């Protein structure tokens, strides 16, 4: 089960990354580059947003307060022992806050 979940997360990460690159609306002349917002998900479900601790219940609220949510990419760095439910809850919070480019990265 764990192996299937990890494979699913890896495939989903690749698909979301490719989709995000294919739908990037920046022009070649646009010099402003948005650095991705990194959300780290630990095995115990604890979160950090841009290296700042964030209670999971407050994630959507904190994300919605950030500027440029429609154009800023997000990388969810989920520990390999994080559950599928935890990952999908973070993805849903990103969607609720208006982020459109979300990718996943599995870390050990």
N, C-alpha and C. Protein backbone atom coordinates (compact mmCIF):
# COMPACT_ATOMS: atom_id res chain seq x y z
N UNK A 1 0.83 -1.20 0.00
CA UNK A 1 0.00 0.00 0.00
C UNK A 1 0.87 1.26 0.00
N UNK A 2 1.91 1.26 0.85
CA UNK A 2 2.79 2.42 0.96
C UNK A 2 3.51 2.67 -0.36
N UNK A 3 3.94 1.58 -1.03
CA UNK A 3 4.64 1.71 -2.30
C UNK A 3 3.71 2.30 -3.36
N UNK A 4 2.45 1.86 -3.36
CA UNK A 4 1.48 2.38 -4.33
C UNK A 4 1.21 3.86 -4.09
N UNK A 5 1.14 4.26 -2.84
CA UNK A 5 0.90 5.67 -2.51
C UNK A 5 2.08 6.52 -2.97
N UNK A 6 3.29 6.05 -2.73
CA UNK A 6 4.47 6.79 -3.15
C UNK A 6 4.53 6.91 -4.67
N UNK A 7 4.21 5.82 -5.37
CA UNK A 7 4.17 5.86 -6.83
C UNK A 7 3.11 6.85 -7.32
N UNK A 8 1.95 6.84 -6.67
CA UNK A 8 0.88 7.76 -7.04
C UNK A 8 1.33 9.21 -6.85
N UNK A 9 1.96 9.50 -5.72
CA UNK A 9 2.42 10.86 -5.44
C UNK A 9 3.47 11.29 -6.46
N UNK A 10 4.38 10.40 -6.80
CA UNK A 10 5.42 10.73 -7.79
C UNK A 10 4.79 11.02 -9.15
N UNK A 11 3.85 10.17 -9.58
CA UNK A 11 3.20 10.38 -10.87
C UNK A 11 2.39 11.66 -10.87
N UNK A 12 1.68 11.93 -9.79
CA UNK A 12 0.89 13.15 -9.69
C UNK A 12 1.79 14.38 -9.70
N UNK A 13 2.92 14.29 -9.04
CA UNK A 13 3.87 15.40 -9.02
C UNK A 13 4.37 15.72 -10.41
N UNK A 14 4.72 14.69 -11.16
CA UNK A 14 5.20 14.90 -12.53
C UNK A 14 4.10 15.51 -13.38
N UNK A 15 2.89 14.97 -13.26
CA UNK A 15 1.77 15.49 -14.07
C UNK A 15 1.49 16.95 -13.73
N UNK A 16 1.47 17.29 -12.47
CA UNK A 16 1.19 18.67 -12.08
C UNK A 16 2.30 19.61 -12.51
N UNK A 17 3.54 19.14 -12.45
CA UNK A 17 4.67 19.97 -12.89
C UNK A 17 4.59 20.23 -14.38
N UNK A 18 4.31 19.19 -15.15
CA UNK A 18 4.19 19.35 -16.60
C UNK A 18 3.02 20.26 -16.92
N UNK A 19 1.89 20.07 -16.26
CA UNK A 19 0.72 20.91 -16.49
C UNK A 19 1.04 22.37 -16.16
N UNK A 20 1.73 22.59 -15.07
CA UNK A 20 2.07 23.95 -14.67
C UNK A 20 2.99 24.62 -15.67
N UNK A 21 3.96 23.88 -16.20
CA UNK A 21 4.87 24.45 -17.20
C UNK A 21 4.14 24.72 -18.50
N UNK A 22 3.23 23.85 -18.89
CA UNK A 22 2.52 24.03 -20.15
C UNK A 22 1.54 25.19 -20.09
N UNK A 23 1.09 25.54 -18.89
CA UNK A 23 0.10 26.60 -18.75
C UNK A 23 0.69 27.88 -18.17
N UNK A 24 1.99 28.01 -18.20
CA UNK A 24 2.65 29.22 -17.70
C UNK A 24 2.37 30.35 -18.68
N UNK A 25 1.74 31.42 -18.21
CA UNK A 25 1.32 32.50 -19.08
C UNK A 25 2.32 33.64 -19.17
N UNK A 26 3.49 33.47 -18.58
CA UNK A 26 4.51 34.53 -18.65
C UNK A 26 5.07 34.60 -20.05
N UNK A 27 5.41 35.79 -20.48
CA UNK A 27 6.01 35.96 -21.79
C UNK A 27 7.52 35.94 -21.65
N UNK A 28 8.20 35.78 -22.77
CA UNK A 28 9.66 35.71 -22.74
C UNK A 28 10.26 37.02 -22.25
N UNK A 29 9.56 38.14 -22.46
CA UNK A 29 10.07 39.43 -22.05
C UNK A 29 9.82 39.75 -20.59
N UNK A 30 9.07 38.92 -19.89
CA UNK A 30 8.75 39.17 -18.48
C UNK A 30 9.95 38.78 -17.63
N UNK A 31 10.56 39.75 -16.99
CA UNK A 31 11.76 39.50 -16.19
C UNK A 31 11.44 39.09 -14.76
N UNK A 32 10.21 39.32 -14.31
CA UNK A 32 9.87 38.97 -12.93
C UNK A 32 9.60 37.47 -12.84
N UNK A 33 10.31 36.82 -11.96
CA UNK A 33 10.17 35.38 -11.78
C UNK A 33 9.66 35.15 -10.37
N UNK A 34 8.58 34.42 -10.27
CA UNK A 34 8.01 34.11 -8.97
C UNK A 34 8.72 32.90 -8.38
N UNK A 35 9.31 33.07 -7.23
CA UNK A 35 9.90 31.94 -6.52
C UNK A 35 8.76 31.12 -5.93
N UNK A 36 8.86 29.80 -5.99
CA UNK A 36 7.77 29.00 -5.46
C UNK A 36 7.64 29.13 -3.95
N UNK A 37 6.41 29.04 -3.50
CA UNK A 37 6.12 28.98 -2.08
C UNK A 37 6.27 27.52 -1.68
N UNK A 38 7.10 27.23 -0.69
CA UNK A 38 7.34 25.85 -0.27
C UNK A 38 6.56 25.56 1.00
N UNK A 39 5.74 24.52 0.92
CA UNK A 39 4.99 24.03 2.07
C UNK A 39 5.57 22.66 2.40
N UNK A 40 6.09 22.52 3.62
CA UNK A 40 6.67 21.25 4.03
C UNK A 40 5.69 20.50 4.92
N UNK A 41 5.50 19.22 4.60
CA UNK A 41 4.60 18.36 5.36
C UNK A 41 5.42 17.24 6.00
N UNK A 42 5.48 17.25 7.32
CA UNK A 42 6.26 16.26 8.08
C UNK A 42 5.45 14.97 8.26
N UNK A 43 6.12 13.88 8.65
CA UNK A 43 5.40 12.61 8.85
C UNK A 43 4.28 12.69 9.88
N UNK A 44 4.44 13.56 10.87
CA UNK A 44 3.41 13.68 11.91
C UNK A 44 2.28 14.63 11.52
N UNK A 45 2.34 15.18 10.30
CA UNK A 45 1.28 16.08 9.83
C UNK A 45 1.54 17.54 10.09
N UNK A 46 2.64 17.85 10.77
CA UNK A 46 2.95 19.26 11.03
C UNK A 46 3.40 19.93 9.73
N UNK A 47 3.15 21.24 9.65
CA UNK A 47 3.42 22.00 8.43
C UNK A 47 4.32 23.18 8.68
N UNK A 48 5.07 23.54 7.65
CA UNK A 48 5.75 24.83 7.63
C UNK A 48 5.42 25.47 6.28
N UNK A 49 5.19 26.76 6.32
CA UNK A 49 4.93 27.54 5.11
C UNK A 49 6.03 28.57 5.03
N UNK A 50 6.84 28.49 3.97
CA UNK A 50 7.99 29.37 3.81
C UNK A 50 8.86 29.35 5.08
N UNK A 51 9.11 28.14 5.58
CA UNK A 51 9.96 27.89 6.75
C UNK A 51 9.37 28.38 8.08
N UNK A 52 8.10 28.78 8.09
CA UNK A 52 7.42 29.22 9.31
C UNK A 52 6.39 28.18 9.71
N UNK A 53 6.39 27.73 10.98
CA UNK A 53 5.39 26.74 11.40
C UNK A 53 3.97 27.25 11.18
N UNK A 54 3.10 26.32 10.80
CA UNK A 54 1.71 26.67 10.56
C UNK A 54 0.83 25.50 11.00
N UNK A 55 -0.11 25.74 11.92
CA UNK A 55 -1.03 24.67 12.30
C UNK A 55 -1.88 24.26 11.08
N UNK A 56 -2.08 22.97 10.86
CA UNK A 56 -2.85 22.53 9.70
C UNK A 56 -4.22 23.18 9.58
N UNK A 57 -4.88 23.42 10.70
CA UNK A 57 -6.21 24.03 10.67
C UNK A 57 -6.18 25.47 10.16
N UNK A 58 -5.03 26.12 10.21
CA UNK A 58 -4.91 27.51 9.78
C UNK A 58 -4.27 27.67 8.40
N UNK A 59 -3.97 26.56 7.73
CA UNK A 59 -3.24 26.63 6.47
C UNK A 59 -3.99 27.42 5.40
N UNK A 60 -5.25 27.12 5.16
CA UNK A 60 -6.00 27.81 4.11
C UNK A 60 -6.08 29.31 4.40
N UNK A 61 -6.29 29.66 5.65
CA UNK A 61 -6.35 31.07 6.03
C UNK A 61 -5.02 31.77 5.79
N UNK A 62 -3.94 31.14 6.20
CA UNK A 62 -2.62 31.74 6.01
C UNK A 62 -2.30 31.88 4.52
N UNK A 63 -2.61 30.86 3.73
CA UNK A 63 -2.34 30.93 2.29
C UNK A 63 -3.15 32.01 1.61
N UNK A 64 -4.39 32.19 2.02
CA UNK A 64 -5.24 33.20 1.38
C UNK A 64 -4.77 34.62 1.66
N UNK A 65 -3.95 34.81 2.69
CA UNK A 65 -3.42 36.13 3.01
C UNK A 65 -2.19 36.49 2.19
N UNK A 66 -1.63 35.52 1.49
CA UNK A 66 -0.42 35.76 0.71
C UNK A 66 -0.76 36.44 -0.62
N UNK A 67 0.07 37.38 -1.06
CA UNK A 67 -0.19 38.04 -2.35
C UNK A 67 0.17 37.13 -3.52
N UNK A 68 -0.36 37.43 -4.67
CA UNK A 68 -0.03 36.76 -5.93
C UNK A 68 -0.34 35.27 -5.93
N UNK A 69 -1.41 34.86 -5.26
CA UNK A 69 -1.72 33.43 -5.20
C UNK A 69 -2.07 32.85 -6.57
N UNK A 70 -2.59 33.66 -7.46
CA UNK A 70 -2.97 33.14 -8.77
C UNK A 70 -1.76 32.84 -9.65
N UNK A 71 -0.66 33.53 -9.45
CA UNK A 71 0.50 33.33 -10.33
C UNK A 71 1.69 32.68 -9.63
N UNK A 72 1.69 32.64 -8.34
CA UNK A 72 2.85 32.08 -7.61
C UNK A 72 2.73 30.56 -7.54
N UNK A 73 3.78 29.85 -7.96
CA UNK A 73 3.74 28.39 -7.86
C UNK A 73 3.95 27.93 -6.43
N UNK A 74 3.41 26.76 -6.12
CA UNK A 74 3.55 26.15 -4.80
C UNK A 74 4.19 24.79 -4.96
N UNK A 75 5.12 24.48 -4.07
CA UNK A 75 5.71 23.13 -4.02
C UNK A 75 5.38 22.56 -2.65
N UNK A 76 4.69 21.45 -2.65
CA UNK A 76 4.39 20.74 -1.41
C UNK A 76 5.46 19.66 -1.25
N UNK A 77 6.33 19.85 -0.26
CA UNK A 77 7.37 18.86 0.02
C UNK A 77 6.86 17.94 1.12
N UNK A 78 6.30 16.80 0.70
CA UNK A 78 5.71 15.87 1.64
C UNK A 78 6.69 14.76 1.98
N UNK A 79 6.88 14.53 3.27
CA UNK A 79 7.73 13.42 3.71
C UNK A 79 7.10 12.12 3.21
N UNK A 80 7.95 11.16 2.88
CA UNK A 80 7.45 9.90 2.34
C UNK A 80 6.52 9.15 3.29
N UNK A 81 6.58 9.45 4.58
CA UNK A 81 5.68 8.81 5.54
C UNK A 81 4.41 9.61 5.81
N UNK A 82 4.26 10.76 5.16
CA UNK A 82 3.02 11.52 5.29
C UNK A 82 1.90 10.72 4.63
N UNK A 83 0.70 10.83 5.17
CA UNK A 83 -0.41 10.05 4.62
C UNK A 83 -1.01 10.75 3.41
N UNK A 84 -1.69 9.95 2.61
CA UNK A 84 -2.39 10.48 1.44
C UNK A 84 -3.39 11.56 1.87
N UNK A 85 -4.09 11.32 2.95
CA UNK A 85 -5.07 12.28 3.46
C UNK A 85 -4.41 13.62 3.79
N UNK A 86 -3.25 13.59 4.45
CA UNK A 86 -2.54 14.82 4.80
C UNK A 86 -2.15 15.59 3.54
N UNK A 87 -1.65 14.88 2.53
CA UNK A 87 -1.24 15.52 1.29
C UNK A 87 -2.44 16.16 0.60
N UNK A 88 -3.55 15.43 0.51
CA UNK A 88 -4.73 15.98 -0.17
C UNK A 88 -5.32 17.16 0.58
N UNK A 89 -5.22 17.17 1.90
CA UNK A 89 -5.71 18.32 2.68
C UNK A 89 -4.89 19.57 2.38
N UNK A 90 -3.58 19.41 2.23
CA UNK A 90 -2.72 20.55 1.88
C UNK A 90 -3.05 21.03 0.47
N UNK A 91 -3.25 20.09 -0.45
CA UNK A 91 -3.61 20.46 -1.83
C UNK A 91 -4.94 21.21 -1.86
N UNK A 92 -5.89 20.77 -1.08
CA UNK A 92 -7.21 21.43 -1.03
C UNK A 92 -7.09 22.84 -0.45
N UNK A 93 -6.24 23.02 0.56
CA UNK A 93 -6.03 24.35 1.13
C UNK A 93 -5.42 25.29 0.09
N UNK A 94 -4.51 24.78 -0.72
CA UNK A 94 -3.91 25.59 -1.80
C UNK A 94 -4.98 25.99 -2.81
N UNK A 95 -5.82 25.05 -3.18
CA UNK A 95 -6.90 25.33 -4.13
C UNK A 95 -7.86 26.36 -3.57
N UNK A 96 -8.23 26.20 -2.31
CA UNK A 96 -9.15 27.13 -1.66
C UNK A 96 -8.58 28.55 -1.62
N UNK A 97 -7.27 28.66 -1.43
CA UNK A 97 -6.61 29.97 -1.36
C UNK A 97 -6.38 30.59 -2.74
N UNK A 98 -6.65 29.84 -3.81
CA UNK A 98 -6.54 30.39 -5.15
C UNK A 98 -5.26 30.06 -5.89
N UNK A 99 -4.41 29.23 -5.32
CA UNK A 99 -3.18 28.85 -6.01
C UNK A 99 -3.52 27.89 -7.14
N UNK A 100 -2.96 28.15 -8.30
CA UNK A 100 -3.28 27.34 -9.48
C UNK A 100 -2.14 26.43 -9.91
N UNK A 101 -0.92 26.74 -9.52
CA UNK A 101 0.23 25.92 -9.90
C UNK A 101 0.78 25.23 -8.64
N UNK A 102 0.39 23.98 -8.46
CA UNK A 102 0.81 23.23 -7.28
C UNK A 102 1.51 21.97 -7.73
N UNK A 103 2.70 21.73 -7.20
CA UNK A 103 3.42 20.51 -7.50
C UNK A 103 3.80 19.81 -6.20
N UNK A 104 4.08 18.53 -6.32
CA UNK A 104 4.42 17.71 -5.15
C UNK A 104 5.85 17.22 -5.27
N UNK A 105 6.50 17.12 -4.12
CA UNK A 105 7.85 16.57 -4.05
C UNK A 105 7.90 15.67 -2.83
N UNK A 106 8.30 14.42 -3.05
CA UNK A 106 8.43 13.48 -1.94
C UNK A 106 9.85 13.57 -1.39
N UNK A 107 9.97 13.69 -0.08
CA UNK A 107 11.28 13.79 0.55
C UNK A 107 11.40 12.74 1.65
N UNK A 108 12.65 12.37 1.95
CA UNK A 108 12.90 11.38 3.01
C UNK A 108 13.26 12.07 4.29
